[in-house]
Amino acid sequence: MQVCKNAFYIFIKTVPLQISAKPLFVPIPFITSSDSSS
């Protein structure tokens, strides 16, 4: 669970950078898959 929490925080901080660099095409499906897994 802690690993997921850390990954989640990292993802949250990486999302804005990814969006700024390029359009978000991974975050949406990634979040969906992560949510389904959880």
Protein backbone atom coordinates (compact mmCIF):
# COMPACT_ATOMS: atom_id res chain seq x y z
CA MET A 1 0.00 0.00 0.00
CA GLN A 2 2.83 2.38 0.84
CA VAL A 3 4.38 1.71 -2.54
CA CYS A 4 1.10 2.57 -4.23
CA LYS A 5 0.83 5.74 -2.14
CA ASN A 6 4.35 6.80 -3.11
CA ALA A 7 3.71 5.96 -6.76
CA PHE A 8 0.48 7.95 -6.57
CA TYR A 9 2.24 11.02 -5.18
CA ILE A 10 4.99 10.73 -7.78
CA PHE A 11 2.35 10.34 -10.49
CA ILE A 12 0.49 13.42 -9.25
CA LYS A 13 3.70 15.46 -9.38
CA THR A 14 4.62 14.01 -12.78
CA VAL A 15 1.21 14.58 -14.39
CA PRO A 16 1.59 18.39 -14.64
CA LEU A 17 5.06 17.98 -16.12
CA GLN A 18 3.79 15.44 -18.66
CA ILE A 19 0.88 17.71 -19.61
CA SER A 20 3.21 20.69 -19.94
CA ALA A 21 5.60 18.68 -22.10
CA LYS A 22 2.96 16.94 -24.22
CA PRO A 23 -0.80 16.26 -24.30
CA LEU A 24 -2.03 13.80 -21.70
CA PHE A 25 -2.62 10.46 -23.38
CA VAL A 26 -1.18 8.12 -20.74
CA PRO A 27 -2.56 9.66 -17.50
CA ILE A 28 -6.23 8.96 -18.33
CA PRO A 29 -5.87 5.24 -19.20
CA PHE A 30 -3.24 4.85 -16.48
CA ILE A 31 -5.59 6.28 -13.85
CA THR A 32 -8.42 4.07 -15.12
CA SER A 33 -6.26 0.95 -14.94
CA SER A 34 -4.94 1.93 -11.53
CA ASP A 35 -8.46 2.57 -10.26
CA SER A 36 -9.65 -0.80 -11.58
CA SER A 37 -6.71 -2.54 -9.94
CA SER A 38 -7.43 -0.86 -6.64
